[in-house]
């Protein structure tokens, strides 16, 4: 199979997500080929926008080596003078705030933001890939929770593009909410 328009010092096939990652490409992007698309026809190339951190002296603006974990589908890219960057299929998912400041005994609220370049449709589920549905939308979005988030609540970002089932194989990312408890300050001073 020939993929035009990419070159690499190293390539890595990850059986966990059935993608081929190209290291050593001459840009700040890491080209990714989805091996599931069509083995006999044209191969679609997914280019993940992977930005190397700026403002650090001597940081390489190209990737060289690359590795991917089959189980958690995280990708590891060593960057000169900056360490190793870890990302998962180019996706970013964040909860703000996290940890969530709450009074002792209370529940918290947070806002989830996601950017999943490789999925057209996603759903956010609670505590398991097929748990209660919190939100659905495109590969980029945001949703606010109510004040019902408990310590350890896990949000599952599921790829549902083309009707993919709600299984761990289609989990794009997870994020766990933590609560930071504080006691309310006592007003005034005690009387004598």
Protein backbone atom coordinates (compact mmCIF):
# COMPACT_ATOMS: atom_id res chain seq x y z
CA UNK A 1 0.00 0.00 0.00
CA UNK A 2 1.37 3.44 -0.89
CA UNK A 3 0.31 6.63 0.87
CA UNK A 4 1.18 9.70 -1.15
CA UNK A 5 2.12 13.02 0.38
CA UNK A 6 3.74 11.75 3.58
CA UNK A 7 7.19 10.62 4.55
CA UNK A 8 8.59 9.44 7.85
CA UNK A 9 11.69 8.47 9.74
CA UNK A 10 9.49 6.06 11.65
CA UNK A 11 5.97 4.76 11.28
CA UNK A 12 3.95 3.02 13.96
CA UNK A 13 0.94 0.80 13.43
CA UNK A 14 -1.30 0.72 16.46
CA UNK A 15 -3.64 -2.30 16.47
CA UNK A 16 -5.66 -0.66 19.28
CA UNK A 17 -7.10 2.00 16.97
CA UNK A 18 -5.98 0.47 13.63
CA UNK A 19 -4.12 3.60 12.59
CA UNK A 20 -0.65 4.19 11.19
CA UNK A 21 1.23 7.17 12.67
CA UNK A 22 4.02 8.86 10.72
CA UNK A 23 6.93 10.28 12.74
CA UNK A 24 9.63 12.52 11.28
CA UNK A 25 7.22 14.39 9.02
CA UNK A 26 8.42 17.84 7.99
CA UNK A 27 5.79 19.93 9.76
CA UNK A 28 4.22 20.33 13.17
CA UNK A 29 1.51 17.85 12.15
CA UNK A 30 1.55 14.10 12.55
CA UNK A 31 -0.10 12.42 9.56
CA UNK A 32 -2.30 9.49 10.51
CA UNK A 33 -3.77 6.91 8.15
CA UNK A 34 -6.84 5.01 9.25
CA UNK A 35 -6.16 1.44 8.14
CA UNK A 36 -9.84 0.46 8.52
CA UNK A 37 -11.14 2.72 5.75
CA UNK A 38 -10.52 0.62 2.68
CA UNK A 39 -7.58 -1.69 2.16
CA UNK A 40 -8.22 -2.03 -1.56
CA UNK A 41 -9.12 1.53 -2.51
CA UNK A 42 -7.86 5.02 -1.78
CA UNK A 43 -6.57 5.58 1.73
CA UNK A 44 -7.87 8.60 3.58
CA UNK A 45 -5.19 10.49 5.44
CA UNK A 46 -6.13 12.16 8.69
CA UNK A 47 -3.77 14.96 9.63
CA UNK A 48 -3.80 15.67 13.33
CA UNK A 49 -2.95 19.22 14.32
CA UNK A 50 -0.19 18.52 16.81
CA UNK A 51 1.41 21.78 17.91
CA UNK A 52 4.88 21.58 19.36
CA UNK A 53 5.17 23.95 22.35
CA UNK A 54 6.61 27.33 21.46
CA UNK A 55 8.71 29.69 23.53
CA UNK A 56 11.18 26.99 24.54
CA UNK A 57 14.72 27.36 23.26
CA UNK A 58 15.79 24.65 20.87
CA UNK A 59 12.44 22.90 20.64
CA UNK A 60 12.25 20.96 17.40
CA UNK A 61 9.37 21.99 15.18
CA UNK A 62 9.17 18.55 13.57
CA UNK A 63 8.48 15.13 15.02
CA UNK A 64 11.03 12.34 14.70
CA UNK A 65 10.06 9.21 16.58
CA UNK A 66 6.60 8.12 17.57
CA UNK A 67 4.97 5.32 19.57
CA UNK A 68 1.37 4.44 20.44
CA UNK A 69 -0.09 2.34 23.23
CA UNK A 70 -2.45 -0.38 21.99
CA UNK A 71 -4.62 -0.45 25.13
CA UNK A 72 -5.16 3.21 26.07
CA UNK A 73 -4.54 4.49 22.50
CA UNK A 74 -2.27 7.28 23.71
CA UNK A 75 0.45 8.51 21.36
CA UNK A 76 3.93 9.42 22.64
CA UNK A 77 6.11 11.89 20.75
CA UNK A 78 9.57 12.92 21.98
CA UNK A 79 10.22 16.61 21.30
CA UNK A 80 13.79 17.97 21.39
CA UNK A 81 14.52 19.93 24.58
CA UNK A 82 10.90 19.71 25.70
CA UNK A 83 10.38 16.11 26.85
CA UNK A 84 7.67 13.75 25.67
CA UNK A 85 4.24 14.89 24.62
CA UNK A 86 1.31 12.54 25.16
CA UNK A 87 -1.97 12.81 23.28
CA UNK A 88 -4.77 10.55 22.21
CA UNK A 89 -5.65 10.60 18.53
CA UNK A 90 -5.18 14.36 18.59
CA UNK A 91 -8.16 14.80 20.88
CA UNK A 92 -8.39 17.21 23.76
CA UNK A 93 -11.00 16.99 26.49
CA UNK A 94 -11.00 19.27 29.52
CA UNK A 95 -13.23 19.94 32.51
CA UNK A 96 -13.16 23.46 33.94
CA UNK A 97 -12.91 23.71 36.85
CA UNK A 98 -11.33 20.40 37.84
CA UNK A 99 -10.96 19.93 40.76
CA UNK A 100 -14.31 21.54 41.49
CA UNK A 101 -14.37 23.63 44.70
CA UNK A 102 -17.44 22.75 46.80
CA UNK A 103 -18.60 23.04 50.39
CA UNK A 104 -18.36 19.87 52.44
CA UNK A 105 -21.27 17.58 51.57
CA UNK A 106 -22.18 19.40 48.36
CA UNK A 107 -21.94 18.37 44.72
CA UNK A 108 -20.19 20.37 42.01
CA UNK A 109 -20.69 21.69 38.50
CA UNK A 110 -18.16 21.92 35.68
CA UNK A 111 -17.94 22.68 31.98
CA UNK A 112 -16.65 20.07 29.54
CA UNK A 113 -14.91 21.23 26.36
CA UNK A 114 -13.82 18.82 23.65
CA UNK A 115 -12.04 18.97 20.31
CA UNK A 116 -11.93 15.62 18.51
CA UNK A 117 -10.56 16.12 14.97
CA UNK A 118 -11.13 12.52 13.89
CA UNK A 119 -14.80 12.15 14.82
CA UNK A 120 -17.77 13.76 13.12
CA UNK A 121 -20.21 12.88 15.90
CA UNK A 122 -19.53 12.33 19.58
CA UNK A 123 -21.54 11.67 22.70
CA UNK A 124 -20.57 12.29 26.33
CA UNK A 125 -21.70 9.51 28.67
CA UNK A 126 -21.49 9.20 32.44
CA UNK A 127 -19.38 6.57 34.23
CA UNK A 128 -19.26 4.05 31.35
CA UNK A 129 -19.21 4.04 27.54
CA UNK A 130 -22.97 3.31 27.48
CA UNK A 131 -23.93 5.17 30.68
CA UNK A 132 -26.45 8.00 30.87
CA UNK A 133 -26.12 10.50 28.01
CA UNK A 134 -24.95 13.99 29.00
CA UNK A 135 -24.45 15.59 25.58
CA UNK A 136 -24.10 14.88 21.88
CA UNK A 137 -22.70 16.90 19.03
CA UNK A 138 -19.93 17.29 16.52
CA UNK A 139 -16.21 16.73 17.08
CA UNK A 140 -15.93 20.10 18.78
CA UNK A 141 -18.22 21.33 21.53
CA UNK A 142 -18.92 22.32 25.09
CA UNK A 143 -21.49 21.45 27.74
CA UNK A 144 -22.15 22.62 31.29
CA UNK A 145 -23.20 20.15 33.93
CA UNK A 146 -25.62 20.91 36.69
CA UNK A 147 -24.53 20.85 40.34
CA UNK A 148 -24.76 17.05 40.47
CA UNK A 149 -21.14 16.03 39.79
CA UNK A 150 -19.74 13.74 42.48
CA UNK A 151 -16.11 13.05 43.30
CA UNK A 152 -14.91 10.45 40.79
CA UNK A 153 -17.61 11.05 38.18
CA UNK A 154 -16.11 9.90 34.89
CA UNK A 155 -17.10 11.42 31.56
CA UNK A 156 -16.70 9.13 28.53
CA UNK A 157 -16.27 10.73 25.11
CA UNK A 158 -17.66 8.23 22.61
CA UNK A 159 -17.22 8.23 18.83
CA UNK A 160 -20.69 7.58 17.41
CA UNK A 161 -19.88 8.59 13.81
CA UNK A 162 -21.82 6.42 11.37
CA UNK A 163 -23.69 4.67 14.18
CA UNK A 164 -20.66 3.24 16.01
CA UNK A 165 -21.76 1.31 19.13
CA UNK A 166 -21.26 2.60 22.68
CA UNK A 167 -18.36 0.30 23.57
CA UNK A 168 -14.90 0.84 25.04
CA UNK A 169 -13.42 0.30 21.55
CA UNK A 170 -15.06 3.59 20.51
CA UNK A 171 -14.07 5.57 23.62
CA UNK A 172 -12.01 8.51 22.41
CA UNK A 173 -11.11 9.87 25.83
CA UNK A 174 -12.21 9.98 29.45
CA UNK A 175 -11.92 12.59 32.15
CA UNK A 176 -12.50 12.12 35.88
CA UNK A 177 -13.97 14.94 37.97
CA UNK A 178 -12.50 15.61 41.38
CA UNK A 179 -14.15 17.63 44.13
CA UNK A 180 -12.09 19.91 46.37
CA UNK A 181 -13.92 20.27 49.67
CA UNK A 182 -13.70 23.35 51.86
CA UNK A 183 -15.53 24.47 54.97
CA UNK A 184 -17.48 27.70 54.96
CA UNK A 185 -15.89 30.48 57.02
CA UNK A 186 -17.77 31.37 60.18
CA UNK A 187 -19.20 34.88 60.09
CA UNK A 188 -18.52 37.23 63.04
CA UNK A 189 -16.77 36.43 66.30
CA UNK A 190 -18.02 34.28 69.12
CA UNK A 191 -19.70 36.16 71.97
CA UNK A 192 -18.49 35.84 75.54
